[in-house]
PDB file of N, CA and C in Angstrom:
ATOM      1  N   GLY A   1     129.310 218.042 -18.961  1.00  0.00           N
ATOM      2  CA  GLY A   1     129.480 219.115 -18.133  1.00  0.00           C
ATOM      3  C   GLY A   1     128.778 218.818 -16.775  1.00  0.00           C
ATOM      4  N   THR A   2     128.691 219.725 -15.882  1.00  0.00           N
ATOM      5  CA  THR A   2     128.467 219.567 -14.402  1.00  0.00           C
ATOM      6  C   THR A   2     126.881 218.996 -14.272  1.00  0.00           C
ATOM      7  N   SER A   3     126.323 218.985 -15.390  1.00  0.00           N
ATOM      8  CA  SER A   3     124.917 218.459 -15.441  1.00  0.00           C
ATOM      9  C   SER A   3     124.831 216.851 -15.491  1.00  0.00           C
ATOM     10  N   ASN A   4     126.038 216.371 -15.837  1.00  0.00           N
ATOM     11  CA  ASN A   4     126.260 214.784 -15.776  1.00  0.00           C
ATOM     12  C   ASN A   4     127.116 214.273 -14.910  1.00  0.00           C
ATOM     13  N   SER A   5     127.392 215.128 -14.085  1.00  0.00           N
ATOM     14  CA  SER A   5     128.489 214.415 -13.030  1.00  0.00           C
ATOM     15  C   SER A   5     127.702 214.608 -11.419  1.00  0.00           C
ATOM     16  N   ALA A   6     127.784 213.429 -10.762  1.00  0.00           N
ATOM     17  CA  ALA A   6     127.262 213.212  -9.494  1.00  0.00           C
ATOM     18  C   ALA A   6     128.151 213.695  -8.750  1.00  0.00           C
ATOM     19  N   MET A   7     127.397 214.600  -7.650  1.00  0.00           N
ATOM     20  CA  MET A   7     128.326 215.048  -6.582  1.00  0.00           C
ATOM     21  C   MET A   7     128.146 214.453  -5.255  1.00  0.00           C
ATOM     22  N   VAL A   8     126.801 214.295  -4.937  1.00  0.00           N
ATOM     23  CA  VAL A   8     126.335 213.674  -3.605  1.00  0.00           C
ATOM     24  C   VAL A   8     125.361 212.445  -3.957  1.00  0.00           C
ATOM     25  N   VAL A   9     125.376 211.517  -3.456  1.00  0.00           N
ATOM     26  CA  VAL A   9     124.717 210.195  -3.672  1.00  0.00           C
ATOM     27  C   VAL A   9     123.892 209.730  -2.548  1.00  0.00           C
ATOM     28  N   GLU A  10     122.675 209.476  -2.293  1.00  0.00           N
ATOM     29  CA  GLU A  10     121.846 209.154  -1.339  1.00  0.00           C
ATOM     30  C   GLU A  10     122.569 207.409  -1.099  1.00  0.00           C
ATOM     31  N   THR A  11     122.473 207.260   0.140  1.00  0.00           N
ATOM     32  CA  THR A  11     122.855 206.010   0.734  1.00  0.00           C
ATOM     33  C   THR A  11     122.339 205.666   2.014  1.00  0.00           C
ATOM     34  N   THR A  12     122.091 204.200   2.321  1.00  0.00           N
ATOM     35  CA  THR A  12     121.808 204.050   3.555  1.00  0.00           C
ATOM     36  C   THR A  12     122.413 202.369   3.819  1.00  0.00           C
ATOM     37  N   ARG A  13     122.460 202.335   5.331  1.00  0.00           N
ATOM     38  CA  ARG A  13     123.198 200.920   5.590  1.00  0.00           C
ATOM     39  C   ARG A  13     122.642 200.546   6.765  1.00  0.00           C
ATOM     40  N   GLU A  14     121.703 199.535   6.850  1.00  0.00           N
ATOM     41  CA  GLU A  14     121.173 198.970   8.259  1.00  0.00           C
ATOM     42  C   GLU A  14     120.192 200.175   8.659  1.00  0.00           C
ATOM     43  N   VAL A  15     119.399 200.813   7.957  1.00  0.00           N
ATOM     44  CA  VAL A  15     118.307 201.442   8.060  1.00  0.00           C
ATOM     45  C   VAL A  15     117.098 201.036   7.354  1.00  0.00           C
ATOM     46  N   TRP A  16     116.171 200.375   8.040  1.00  0.00           N
ATOM     47  CA  TRP A  16     114.966 199.685   7.770  1.00  0.00           C
ATOM     48  C   TRP A  16     113.817 199.636   8.454  1.00  0.00           C
ATOM     49  N   ASP A  17     113.987 200.413   9.631  1.00  0.00           N
ATOM     50  CA  ASP A  17     112.816 200.396  10.559  1.00  0.00           C
ATOM     51  C   ASP A  17     112.604 201.881  10.927  1.00  0.00           C
ATOM     52  N   GLY A  18     113.245 202.804  10.544  1.00  0.00           N
ATOM     53  CA  GLY A  18     113.112 204.254  10.785  1.00  0.00           C
ATOM     54  C   GLY A  18     113.630 204.965  12.099  1.00  0.00           C
ATOM     55  N   THR A  19     114.141 203.767  12.856  1.00  0.00           N
ATOM     56  CA  THR A  19     114.775 204.162  14.238  1.00  0.00           C
ATOM     57  C   THR A  19     116.348 203.848  14.440  1.00  0.00           C
ATOM     58  N   SER A  20     116.979 203.593  13.215  1.00  0.00           N
ATOM     59  CA  SER A  20     118.262 203.312  13.341  1.00  0.00           C
ATOM     60  C   SER A  20     119.296 204.568  13.375  1.00  0.00           C
ATOM     61  N   ASN A  21     120.363 204.433  13.953  1.00  0.00           N
ATOM     62  CA  ASN A  21     121.224 205.562  14.327  1.00  0.00           C
ATOM     63  C   ASN A  21     121.558 206.619  13.231  1.00  0.00           C
ATOM     64  N   TYR A  22     121.575 206.043  11.993  1.00  0.00           N
ATOM     65  CA  TYR A  22     122.158 207.037  11.098  1.00  0.00           C
ATOM     66  C   TYR A  22     121.521 206.849   9.694  1.00  0.00           C
ATOM     67  N   TRP A  23     121.638 207.619   8.886  1.00  0.00           N
ATOM     68  CA  TRP A  23     121.087 207.462   7.695  1.00  0.00           C
ATOM     69  C   TRP A  23     121.948 207.529   6.277  1.00  0.00           C
ATOM     70  N   GLY A  24     123.200 207.648   6.615  1.00  0.00           N
ATOM     71  CA  GLY A  24     124.279 207.629   5.343  1.00  0.00           C
ATOM     72  C   GLY A  24     125.459 206.971   5.748  1.00  0.00           C
ATOM     73  N   CYS A  25     126.169 207.279   4.922  1.00  0.00           N
ATOM     74  CA  CYS A  25     127.685 206.440   4.828  1.00  0.00           C
ATOM     75  C   CYS A  25     128.767 207.851   4.777  1.00  0.00           C
ATOM     76  N   SER A  26     129.698 207.719   5.609  1.00  0.00           N
ATOM     77  CA  SER A  26     130.952 208.762   5.587  1.00  0.00           C
ATOM     78  C   SER A  26     131.923 207.952   5.885  1.00  0.00           C
ATOM     79  N   VAL A  27     133.075 207.891   5.004  1.00  0.00           N
ATOM     80  CA  VAL A  27     134.504 207.130   5.534  1.00  0.00           C
ATOM     81  C   VAL A  27     135.380 208.248   5.526  1.00  0.00           C
ATOM     82  N   TYR A  28     136.346 207.961   6.373  1.00  0.00           N
ATOM     83  CA  TYR A  28     137.614 208.673   6.762  1.00  0.00           C
ATOM     84  C   TYR A  28     138.824 208.450   5.589  1.00  0.00           C
ATOM     85  N   ALA A  29     138.479 207.324   4.960  1.00  0.00           N
ATOM     86  CA  ALA A  29     139.550 206.939   3.883  1.00  0.00           C
ATOM     87  C   ALA A  29     138.945 205.735   3.112  1.00  0.00           C
ATOM     88  N   GLY A  30     138.399 206.224   1.793  1.00  0.00           N
ATOM     89  CA  GLY A  30     137.881 205.425   0.951  1.00  0.00           C
ATOM     90  C   GLY A  30     137.115 205.968  -0.182  1.00  0.00           C
ATOM     91  N   ASN A  31     136.228 205.150  -0.857  1.00  0.00           N
ATOM     92  CA  ASN A  31     135.615 205.746  -1.919  1.00  0.00           C
ATOM     93  C   ASN A  31     134.388 206.619  -1.846  1.00  0.00           C
ATOM     94  N   GLY A  32     133.845 206.476  -0.517  1.00  0.00           N
ATOM     95  CA  GLY A  32     132.481 207.229  -0.324  1.00  0.00           C
ATOM     96  C   GLY A  32     131.509 206.419  -1.248  1.00  0.00           C
ATOM     97  N   VAL A  33     130.367 207.058  -1.672  1.00  0.00           N
ATOM     98  CA  VAL A  33     129.577 206.213  -2.606  1.00  0.00           C
ATOM     99  C   VAL A  33     129.767 206.058  -3.923  1.00  0.00           C
ATOM    100  N   PHE A  34     129.714 204.855  -4.616  1.00  0.00           N
ATOM    101  CA  PHE A  34     130.273 204.841  -6.028  1.00  0.00           C
ATOM    102  C   PHE A  34     129.143 204.288  -6.696  1.00  0.00           C
ATOM    103  N   LEU A  35     128.673 205.234  -7.754  1.00  0.00           N
ATOM    104  CA  LEU A  35     127.546 204.898  -8.618  1.00  0.00           C
ATOM    105  C   LEU A  35     128.053 203.834  -9.786  1.00  0.00           C
ATOM    106  N   GLY A  36     129.226 203.939 -10.054  1.00  0.00           N
ATOM    107  CA  GLY A  36     129.720 202.816 -10.979  1.00  0.00           C
ATOM    108  C   GLY A  36     129.882 201.390 -10.611  1.00  0.00           C
ATOM    109  N   ASN A  37     129.411 201.181  -9.435  1.00  0.00           N
ATOM    110  CA  ASN A  37     129.740 199.839  -8.844  1.00  0.00           C
ATOM    111  C   ASN A  37     128.713 198.867  -9.782  1.00  0.00           C
ATOM    112  N   SER A  38     129.114 197.465  -9.671  1.00  0.00           N
ATOM    113  CA  SER A  38     128.465 196.487 -10.687  1.00  0.00           C
ATOM    114  C   SER A  38     127.265 196.120  -9.935  1.00  0.00           C
ATOM    115  N   ARG A  39     126.860 196.622  -8.532  1.00  0.00           N
ATOM    116  CA  ARG A  39     125.757 195.886  -7.853  1.00  0.00           C
ATOM    117  C   ARG A  39     124.400 196.819  -8.248  1.00  0.00           C
ATOM    118  N   GLY A  40     124.515 198.003  -8.620  1.00  0.00           N
ATOM    119  CA  GLY A  40     123.342 198.896  -8.921  1.00  0.00           C
ATOM    120  C   GLY A  40     122.984 199.675  -7.858  1.00  0.00           C
ATOM    121  N   ILE A  41     121.801 199.917  -7.783  1.00  0.00           N
ATOM    122  CA  ILE A  41     121.045 200.980  -6.763  1.00  0.00           C
ATOM    123  C   ILE A  41     120.320 199.967  -6.147  1.00  0.00           C
ATOM    124  N   ASN A  42     120.022 200.255  -4.678  1.00  0.00           N
ATOM    125  CA  ASN A  42     119.047 199.433  -3.646  1.00  0.00           C
ATOM    126  C   ASN A  42     119.608 197.925  -3.612  1.00  0.00           C
ATOM    127  N   ASP A  43     120.900 197.568  -3.856  1.00  0.00           N
ATOM    128  CA  ASP A  43     121.296 196.229  -3.916  1.00  0.00           C
ATOM    129  C   ASP A  43     121.276 195.902  -2.401  1.00  0.00           C
ATOM    130  N   ILE A  44     120.700 194.960  -2.016  1.00  0.00           N
ATOM    131  CA  ILE A  44     120.546 194.623  -0.549  1.00  0.00           C
ATOM    132  C   ILE A  44     121.052 193.194  -0.147  1.00  0.00           C
ATOM    133  N   VAL A  45     121.636 192.445  -1.148  1.00  0.00           N
ATOM    134  CA  VAL A  45     122.336 191.139  -0.881  1.00  0.00           C
ATOM    135  C   VAL A  45     123.626 191.430  -0.592  1.00  0.00           C
ATOM    136  N   CYS A  46     124.070 190.897   0.544  1.00  0.00           N
ATOM    137  CA  CYS A  46     125.426 191.021   0.939  1.00  0.00           C
ATOM    138  C   CYS A  46     126.181 189.666   1.422  1.00  0.00           C
ATOM    139  N   CYS A  47     125.384 188.572   1.643  1.00  0.00           N
ATOM    140  CA  CYS A  47     126.240 187.429   2.199  1.00  0.00           C
ATOM    141  C   CYS A  47     125.462 186.183   1.851  1.00  0.00           C
ATOM    142  N   SER A  48     126.399 184.966   1.986  1.00  0.00           N
ATOM    143  CA  SER A  48     125.783 183.797   1.771  1.00  0.00           C
ATOM    144  C   SER A  48     124.482 183.384   2.403  1.00  0.00           C
ATOM    145  N   TRP A  49     124.165 183.866   3.656  1.00  0.00           N
ATOM    146  CA  TRP A  49     123.019 183.525   4.197  1.00  0.00           C
ATOM    147  C   TRP A  49     121.893 184.158   3.641  1.00  0.00           C
ATOM    148  N   THR A  50     121.983 185.233   2.669  1.00  0.00           N
ATOM    149  CA  THR A  50     120.831 185.888   2.338  1.00  0.00           C
ATOM    150  C   THR A  50     120.278 185.135   0.814  1.00  0.00           C
ATOM    151  N   THR A  51     120.801 183.926   0.666  1.00  0.00           N
ATOM    152  CA  THR A  51     120.179 183.309  -0.541  1.00  0.00           C
ATOM    153  C   THR A  51     119.632 181.839  -0.013  1.00  0.00           C
ATOM    154  N   PRO A  52     118.544 181.887  -0.790  1.00  0.00           N
ATOM    155  CA  PRO A  52     117.842 180.601  -0.266  1.00  0.00           C
ATOM    156  C   PRO A  52     118.889 179.312   0.264  1.00  0.00           C
ATOM    157  N   PRO A  53     118.337 178.595   0.905  1.00  0.00           N
ATOM    158  CA  PRO A  53     116.982 178.436   1.816  1.00  0.00           C
ATOM    159  C   PRO A  53     116.977 179.510   3.032  1.00  0.00           C
ATOM    160  N   ASN A  54     118.045 179.925   3.211  1.00  0.00           N
ATOM    161  CA  ASN A  54     118.121 180.620   4.477  1.00  0.00           C
ATOM    162  C   ASN A  54     118.213 182.168   4.289  1.00  0.00           C
ATOM    163  N   ALA A  55     117.559 182.575   3.323  1.00  0.00           N
ATOM    164  CA  ALA A  55     117.542 184.021   2.959  1.00  0.00           C
ATOM    165  C   ALA A  55     116.782 184.836   3.981  1.00  0.00           C
ATOM    166  N   ASN A  56     117.444 186.050   3.890  1.00  0.00           N
ATOM    167  CA  ASN A  56     116.744 187.013   5.011  1.00  0.00           C
ATOM    168  C   ASN A  56     115.816 187.704   3.911  1.00  0.00           C
ATOM    169  N   PRO A  57     114.855 188.400   4.530  1.00  0.00           N
ATOM    170  CA  PRO A  57     113.941 189.118   3.805  1.00  0.00           C
ATOM    171  C   PRO A  57     114.690 190.466   3.041  1.00  0.00           C
ATOM    172  N   ARG A  58     114.201 190.792   1.687  1.00  0.00           N
ATOM    173  CA  ARG A  58     114.928 191.778   1.243  1.00  0.00           C
ATOM    174  C   ARG A  58     114.221 193.122   1.640  1.00  0.00           C
ATOM    175  N   ILE A  59     114.834 194.040   2.488  1.00  0.00           N
ATOM    176  CA  ILE A  59     114.239 195.247   2.924  1.00  0.00           C
ATOM    177  C   ILE A  59     114.756 196.304   2.417  1.00  0.00           C
ATOM    178  N   PRO A  60     114.173 197.278   1.609  1.00  0.00           N
ATOM    179  CA  PRO A  60     114.644 198.483   1.291  1.00  0.00           C
ATOM    180  C   PRO A  60     115.263 199.283   2.378  1.00  0.00           C
ATOM    181  N   GLY A  61     116.442 199.870   2.162  1.00  0.00           N
ATOM    182  CA  GLY A  61     117.128 200.626   3.185  1.00  0.00           C
ATOM    183  C   GLY A  61     118.227 199.963   3.936  1.00  0.00           C
ATOM    184  N   LYS A  62     118.188 198.545   3.725  1.00  0.00           N
ATOM    185  CA  LYS A  62     119.026 197.925   4.244  1.00  0.00           C
ATOM    186  C   LYS A  62     120.031 197.329   3.075  1.00  0.00           C
ATOM    187  N   LEU A  63     120.976 198.108   2.777  1.00  0.00           N
ATOM    188  CA  LEU A  63     122.065 197.771   1.770  1.00  0.00           C
ATOM    189  C   LEU A  63     122.801 196.644   2.068  1.00  0.00           C
ATOM    190  N   GLY A  64     123.336 195.919   0.959  1.00  0.00           N
ATOM    191  CA  GLY A  64     124.237 194.772   1.052  1.00  0.00           C
ATOM    192  C   GLY A  64     125.605 195.149   1.609  1.00  0.00           C
ATOM    193  N   SER A  65     125.998 196.576   1.443  1.00  0.00           N
ATOM    194  CA  SER A  65     127.499 196.844   1.663  1.00  0.00           C
ATOM    195  C   SER A  65     127.693 198.418   1.922  1.00  0.00           C
ATOM    196  N   TYR A  66     128.435 198.769   2.501  1.00  0.00           N
ATOM    197  CA  TYR A  66     128.694 200.377   2.508  1.00  0.00           C
ATOM    198  C   TYR A  66     129.062 200.708   1.090  1.00  0.00           C
ATOM    199  N   SER A  67     128.959 201.913   0.980  1.00  0.00           N
ATOM    200  CA  SER A  67     129.428 202.509  -0.350  1.00  0.00           C
ATOM    201  C   SER A  67     128.284 202.384  -1.442  1.00  0.00           C
ATOM    202  N   LEU A  68     127.244 201.680  -1.247  1.00  0.00           N
ATOM    203  CA  LEU A  68     126.354 201.394  -2.273  1.00  0.00           C
ATOM    204  C   LEU A  68     125.365 202.702  -2.403  1.00  0.00           C
ATOM    205  N   PRO A  69     124.763 202.851  -3.736  1.00  0.00           N
ATOM    206  CA  PRO A  69     123.974 203.904  -3.615  1.00  0.00           C
ATOM    207  C   PRO A  69     122.506 203.166  -3.357  1.00  0.00           C
ATOM    208  N   GLY A  70     121.510 204.002  -2.623  1.00  0.00           N
ATOM    209  CA  GLY A  70     120.408 203.305  -2.206  1.00  0.00           C
ATOM    210  C   GLY A  70     119.422 204.064  -1.318  1.00  0.00           C
ATOM    211  N   SER A  71     118.150 203.749  -0.824  1.00  0.00           N
ATOM    212  CA  SER A  71     117.373 204.403  -0.293  1.00  0.00           C
ATOM    213  C   SER A  71     116.558 203.736   0.659  1.00  0.00           C
ATOM    214  N   SER A  72     115.757 204.333   1.486  1.00  0.00           N
ATOM    215  CA  SER A  72     114.579 203.723   2.243  1.00  0.00           C
ATOM    216  C   SER A  72     113.530 203.731   1.567  1.00  0.00           C
ATOM    217  N   HIS A  73     113.436 204.156   0.350  1.00  0.00           N
ATOM    218  CA  HIS A  73     112.153 204.223  -0.485  1.00  0.00           C
ATOM    219  C   HIS A  73     112.462 203.346  -1.734  1.00  0.00           C
ATOM    220  N   ALA A  74     111.671 202.396  -2.223  1.00  0.00           N
ATOM    221  CA  ALA A  74     111.651 201.495  -3.295  1.00  0.00           C
ATOM    222  C   ALA A  74     111.833 202.319  -4.484  1.00  0.00           C
ATOM    223  N   GLY A  75     112.546 201.746  -5.546  1.00  0.00           N
ATOM    224  CA  GLY A  75     112.581 202.161  -6.788  1.00  0.00           C
ATOM    225  C   GLY A  75     113.866 202.932  -7.184  1.00  0.00           C
ATOM    226  N   GLY A  76     114.615 203.189  -6.454  1.00  0.00           N
ATOM    227  CA  GLY A  76     116.064 204.179  -6.612  1.00  0.00           C
ATOM    228  C   GLY A  76     116.424 205.175  -5.686  1.00  0.00           C
ATOM    229  N   CYS A  77     117.192 205.912  -5.955  1.00  0.00           N
ATOM    230  CA  CYS A  77     117.879 206.780  -4.868  1.00  0.00           C
ATOM    231  C   CYS A  77     118.088 208.229  -5.541  1.00  0.00           C
ATOM    232  N   TYR A  78     118.083 209.090  -4.661  1.00  0.00           N
ATOM    233  CA  TYR A  78     118.477 210.556  -5.304  1.00  0.00           C
ATOM    234  C   TYR A  78     119.664 210.988  -5.278  1.00  0.00           C
ATOM    235  N   VAL A  79     119.977 211.846  -6.301  1.00  0.00           N
ATOM    236  CA  VAL A  79     121.631 212.078  -6.624  1.00  0.00           C
ATOM    237  C   VAL A  79     121.579 213.697  -6.715  1.00  0.00           C
ATOM    238  N   LEU A  80     122.727 214.441  -6.064  1.00  0.00           N
ATOM    239  CA  LEU A  80     122.933 215.734  -6.325  1.00  0.00           C
ATOM    240  C   LEU A  80     124.102 215.915  -7.391  1.00  0.00           C
ATOM    241  N   LEU A  81     123.577 216.542  -8.568  1.00  0.00           N
ATOM    242  CA  LEU A  81     124.405 216.774  -9.699  1.00  0.00           C
ATOM    243  C   LEU A  81     125.362 218.057  -9.355  1.00  0.00           C
ATOM    244  N   ALA A  82     126.587 217.858 -10.183  1.00  0.00           N
ATOM    245  CA  ALA A  82     127.462 219.156  -9.699  1.00  0.00           C
ATOM    246  C   ALA A  82     126.949 220.472 -10.086  1.00  0.00           C
ATOM    247  N   ASP A  83     125.773 220.488 -11.008  1.00  0.00           N
ATOM    248  CA  ASP A  83     125.465 221.851 -11.315  1.00  0.00           C
ATOM    249  C   ASP A  83     124.181 222.071 -10.556  1.00  0.00           C
ATOM    250  N   GLY A  84     123.793 221.461  -9.271  1.00  0.00           N
ATOM    251  CA  GLY A  84     123.133 221.884  -8.244  1.00  0.00           C
ATOM    252  C   GLY A  84     121.672 221.063  -8.321  1.00  0.00           C
ATOM    253  N   ALA A  85     121.160 220.476  -9.455  1.00  0.00           N
ATOM    254  CA  ALA A  85     120.233 219.566  -9.654  1.00  0.00           C
ATOM    255  C   ALA A  85     119.945 218.442  -9.017  1.00  0.00           C
ATOM    256  N   VAL A  86     118.889 218.134  -8.446  1.00  0.00           N
ATOM    257  CA  VAL A  86     118.765 216.932  -7.653  1.00  0.00           C
ATOM    258  C   VAL A  86     117.797 216.146  -8.659  1.00  0.00           C
ATOM    259  N   ARG A  87     118.027 214.723  -8.930  1.00  0.00           N
ATOM    260  CA  ARG A  87     117.489 213.865 -10.002  1.00  0.00           C
ATOM    261  C   ARG A  87     117.368 212.507  -8.953  1.00  0.00           C
ATOM    262  N   PHE A  88     116.184 211.683  -9.414  1.00  0.00           N
ATOM    263  CA  PHE A  88     115.801 210.590  -9.067  1.00  0.00           C
ATOM    264  C   PHE A  88     116.554 209.578 -10.146  1.00  0.00           C
ATOM    265  N   LEU A  89     117.381 208.741  -9.317  1.00  0.00           N
ATOM    266  CA  LEU A  89     117.749 207.607 -10.496  1.00  0.00           C
ATOM    267  C   LEU A  89     116.985 206.255  -9.996  1.00  0.00           C
ATOM    268  N   SER A  90     116.695 205.518 -10.937  1.00  0.00           N
ATOM    269  CA  SER A  90     115.887 204.578 -11.175  1.00  0.00           C
ATOM    270  C   SER A  90     116.857 203.371 -10.640  1.00  0.00           C
ATOM    271  N   GLU A  91     116.491 202.313 -10.011  1.00  0.00           N
ATOM    272  CA  GLU A  91     117.254 201.306  -9.760  1.00  0.00           C
ATOM    273  C   GLU A  91     117.198 200.589 -11.064  1.00  0.00           C
ATOM    274  N   ASN A  92     116.622 200.549 -12.052  1.00  0.00           N
ATOM    275  CA  ASN A  92     116.583 199.814 -13.265  1.00  0.00           C
ATOM    276  C   ASN A  92     117.245 200.736 -14.525  1.00  0.00           C
ATOM    277  N   MET A  93     117.983 201.946 -14.010  1.00  0.00           N
ATOM    278  CA  MET A  93     118.431 202.549 -15.057  1.00  0.00           C
ATOM    279  C   MET A  93     119.712 201.808 -15.672  1.00  0.00           C
ATOM    280  N   ASP A  94     120.085 202.236 -16.901  1.00  0.00           N
ATOM    281  CA  ASP A  94     121.011 201.506 -17.757  1.00  0.00           C
ATOM    282  C   ASP A  94     122.580 201.820 -16.878  1.00  0.00           C
ATOM    283  N   ALA A  95     123.152 200.420 -16.795  1.00  0.00           N
ATOM    284  CA  ALA A  95     124.275 200.631 -15.972  1.00  0.00           C
ATOM    285  C   ALA A  95     125.447 201.369 -16.647  1.00  0.00           C
ATOM    286  N   THR A  96     125.591 201.557 -17.911  1.00  0.00           N
ATOM    287  CA  THR A  96     126.677 202.411 -18.557  1.00  0.00           C
ATOM    288  C   THR A  96     126.285 203.795 -18.324  1.00  0.00           C
ATOM    289  N   THR A  97     124.963 204.355 -18.237  1.00  0.00           N
ATOM    290  CA  THR A  97     124.643 205.566 -17.874  1.00  0.00           C
ATOM    291  C   THR A  97     124.926 205.982 -16.429  1.00  0.00           C
ATOM    292  N   ARG A  98     124.619 205.098 -15.437  1.00  0.00           N
ATOM    293  CA  ARG A  98     124.779 205.251 -14.143  1.00  0.00           C
ATOM    294  C   ARG A  98     126.363 205.355 -13.864  1.00  0.00           C
ATOM    295  N   ARG A  99     127.085 204.470 -14.473  1.00  0.00           N
ATOM    296  CA  ARG A  99     128.483 204.683 -14.431  1.00  0.00           C
ATOM    297  C   ARG A  99     129.006 205.851 -14.773  1.00  0.00           C
ATOM    298  N   GLY A 100     128.509 206.396 -15.815  1.00  0.00           N
ATOM    299  CA  GLY A 100     129.124 207.532 -16.471  1.00  0.00           C
ATOM    300  C   GLY A 100     128.904 208.978 -15.594  1.00  0.00           C
ATOM    301  N   LEU A 101     127.831 208.776 -14.641  1.00  0.00           N
ATOM    302  CA  LEU A 101     127.516 210.092 -13.703  1.00  0.00           C
ATOM    303  C   LEU A 101     128.814 209.817 -12.680  1.00  0.00           C
ATOM    304  N   SER A 102     129.504 208.823 -12.682  1.00  0.00           N
ATOM    305  CA  SER A 102     130.538 208.922 -11.410  1.00  0.00           C
ATOM    306  C   SER A 102     131.780 209.698 -11.988  1.00  0.00           C
ATOM    307  N   TYR A 103     131.588 209.853 -13.218  1.00  0.00           N
ATOM    308  CA  TYR A 103     133.053 210.481 -13.957  1.00  0.00           C
ATOM    309  C   TYR A 103     132.898 212.017 -14.306  1.00  0.00           C
ATOM    310  N   ILE A 104     134.001 212.591 -14.200  1.00  0.00           N
ATOM    311  CA  ILE A 104     133.781 213.995 -14.688  1.00  0.00           C
ATOM    312  C   ILE A 104     134.869 214.398 -15.835  1.00  0.00           C
ATOM    313  N   ALA A 105     134.247 215.200 -16.744  1.00  0.00           N
ATOM    314  CA  ALA A 105     135.233 215.385 -18.003  1.00  0.00           C
ATOM    315  C   ALA A 105     135.836 214.352 -18.860  1.00  0.00           C
ATOM    316  N   ASP A 106     135.136 213.293 -18.925  1.00  0.00           N
ATOM    317  CA  ASP A 106     135.640 212.136 -19.638  1.00  0.00           C
ATOM    318  C   ASP A 106     135.222 212.392 -21.224  1.00  0.00           C
ATOM    319  N   GLY A 107     134.490 213.135 -21.425  1.00  0.00           N
ATOM    320  CA  GLY A 107     134.065 213.505 -22.731  1.00  0.00           C
ATOM    321  C   GLY A 107     132.738 212.357 -23.393  1.00  0.00           C
ATOM    322  N   SER A 108     132.358 211.762 -22.233  1.00  0.00           N
ATOM    323  CA  SER A 108     131.252 210.852 -22.822  1.00  0.00           C
ATOM    324  C   SER A 108     129.959 211.378 -22.893  1.00  0.00           C
ATOM    325  N   VAL A 109     128.948 210.795 -23.790  1.00  0.00           N
ATOM    326  CA  VAL A 109     127.590 211.388 -23.908  1.00  0.00           C
ATOM    327  C   VAL A 109     126.788 210.350 -23.044  1.00  0.00           C
ATOM    328  N   LEU A 110     126.170 210.695 -22.219  1.00  0.00           N
ATOM    329  CA  LEU A 110     125.249 209.977 -21.355  1.00  0.00           C
ATOM    330  C   LEU A 110     123.882 209.639 -22.034  1.00  0.00           C
ATOM    331  N   GLY A 111     123.139 208.371 -21.750  1.00  0.00           N
ATOM    332  CA  GLY A 111     122.037 208.418 -22.188  1.00  0.00           C
ATOM    333  C   GLY A 111     120.819 209.223 -21.266  1.00  0.00           C
ATOM    334  N   GLU A 112     119.464 208.790 -21.558  1.00  0.00           N
ATOM    335  CA  GLU A 112     118.630 209.551 -20.792  1.00  0.00           C
ATOM    336  C   GLU A 112     118.554 208.862 -19.294  1.00  0.00           C
ATOM    337  N   PHE A 113     118.358 209.820 -18.334  1.00  0.00           N
ATOM    338  CA  PHE A 113     118.309 209.168 -17.037  1.00  0.00           C
ATOM    339  C   PHE A 113     117.284 210.309 -16.150  1.00  0.00           C
TER     340      PHE A 113
END
């Protein structure tokens, strides 16, 4: 039911110093923020220059791509469920459960989150 369906998901992009111009992602055409992505929550690796030996520092809030769930605080992000509840999702949560929050009325039973 609505207790297991994400409606709004926290995201950031290029926000790591508290002074950036925006704190979220909105698209005029696209998928919005997708919990079911394979990169998980707070994934900040985007490009070949982010791997050693030329790696940029991993900075919470500076996500690797638009449409990824994440936040400026370490450990996960917040999600607003369709029933109005706000929950914190750990970046270490089970990928199948995280992906299941992206779907509505699919009949699946989600694990603990």
